Amino acid sequence: MNTETLDHLRSQISTLSESERAALARELIMSLDGPRDDSVEQAWNDEIVRRASRVKSGEATLINREEFRSKMRARLGQ
């Protein structure tokens, strides 16, 4: 695609509403992701259920945002 075509597209896109641009951006990003893998989605759903169950049962140790940030800074050596 040449520069002139890209400039034309940018000009057209700039006339769209914010929600239309957001929808277009989402579609463009999704077009880069490749085909959907249902097994991956199921694995994530299973992990979410597992983690939620651990929280509900009291098995998981929860920390607040500041403690999390502190631990991550220490881990990154900052």
Protein backbone atom coordinates (compact mmCIF):
# COMPACT_ATOMS: atom_id res chain seq x y z
CA MET A 1 0.00 0.00 0.00
CA ASN A 2 1.43 3.36 -0.92
CA THR A 3 1.63 6.56 1.11
CA GLU A 4 -1.18 8.20 -0.84
CA THR A 5 -3.56 5.35 -0.04
CA LEU A 6 -2.61 5.41 3.65
CA ASP A 7 -3.13 9.17 3.80
CA HIS A 8 -6.56 8.75 2.21
CA LEU A 9 -7.48 6.06 4.76
CA ARG A 10 -6.29 8.23 7.65
CA SER A 11 -8.37 11.11 6.33
CA GLN A 12 -11.46 8.91 6.07
CA ILE A 13 -10.92 7.41 9.51
CA SER A 14 -10.59 10.86 11.09
CA THR A 15 -14.20 11.58 10.09
CA LEU A 16 -15.49 8.63 12.11
CA SER A 17 -16.94 9.04 15.58
CA GLU A 18 -14.92 7.90 18.58
CA SER A 19 -17.01 4.74 18.95
CA GLU A 20 -16.65 3.96 15.23
CA ARG A 21 -12.87 4.40 15.43
CA ALA A 22 -12.77 2.16 18.51
CA ALA A 23 -14.77 -0.53 16.69
CA LEU A 24 -12.46 -0.28 13.68
CA ALA A 25 -9.37 -0.47 15.89
CA ARG A 26 -10.76 -3.57 17.60
CA GLU A 27 -11.43 -5.23 14.25
CA LEU A 28 -7.95 -4.39 12.98
CA ILE A 29 -6.30 -5.77 16.10
CA MET A 30 -8.43 -8.92 15.97
CA SER A 31 -7.41 -9.40 12.33
CA LEU A 32 -3.79 -9.66 13.51
CA ASP A 33 -4.52 -12.31 16.13
CA GLY A 34 -5.04 -15.23 13.78
CA PRO A 35 -7.69 -17.91 14.15
CA ARG A 36 -9.41 -18.39 17.47
CA ASP A 37 -8.24 -21.37 19.53
CA ASP A 38 -11.15 -22.62 21.62
CA SER A 39 -8.89 -24.88 23.69
CA VAL A 40 -6.92 -21.85 24.88
CA GLU A 41 -10.11 -20.00 25.80
CA GLN A 42 -11.35 -23.06 27.71
CA ALA A 43 -8.03 -23.34 29.53
CA TRP A 44 -8.29 -19.69 30.62
CA ASN A 45 -11.90 -20.20 31.74
CA ASP A 46 -10.83 -23.23 33.77
CA GLU A 47 -8.00 -21.23 35.36
CA ILE A 48 -10.37 -18.38 36.28
CA VAL A 49 -12.76 -20.84 37.94
CA ARG A 50 -9.84 -22.49 39.79
CA ARG A 51 -8.53 -19.16 41.08
CA ALA A 52 -11.98 -17.92 42.11
CA SER A 53 -12.57 -21.18 43.99
CA ARG A 54 -9.27 -20.75 45.86
CA VAL A 55 -10.27 -17.22 46.87
CA LYS A 56 -13.75 -18.30 48.02
CA SER A 57 -12.37 -21.22 50.03
CA GLY A 58 -9.77 -19.01 51.74
CA GLU A 59 -6.96 -21.09 50.26
CA ALA A 60 -5.52 -18.15 48.29
CA THR A 61 -3.49 -15.44 49.98
CA LEU A 62 -4.65 -12.02 48.80
CA ILE A 63 -2.56 -8.86 48.91
CA ASN A 64 -3.43 -5.23 48.29
CA ARG A 65 -2.17 -3.16 45.38
CA GLU A 66 0.63 -1.44 47.30
CA GLU A 67 2.01 -4.74 48.58
CA PHE A 68 1.83 -6.15 45.03
CA ARG A 69 3.68 -3.12 43.63
CA SER A 70 6.32 -3.38 46.31
CA LYS A 71 6.90 -7.07 45.57
CA MET A 72 7.10 -6.45 41.82
CA ARG A 73 9.58 -3.58 42.28
CA ALA A 74 11.73 -5.81 44.46
CA ARG A 75 11.54 -8.60 41.91
CA LEU A 76 12.56 -6.21 39.11
CA GLY A 77 15.34 -4.71 41.23
CA GLN A 78 13.87 -1.22 41.30
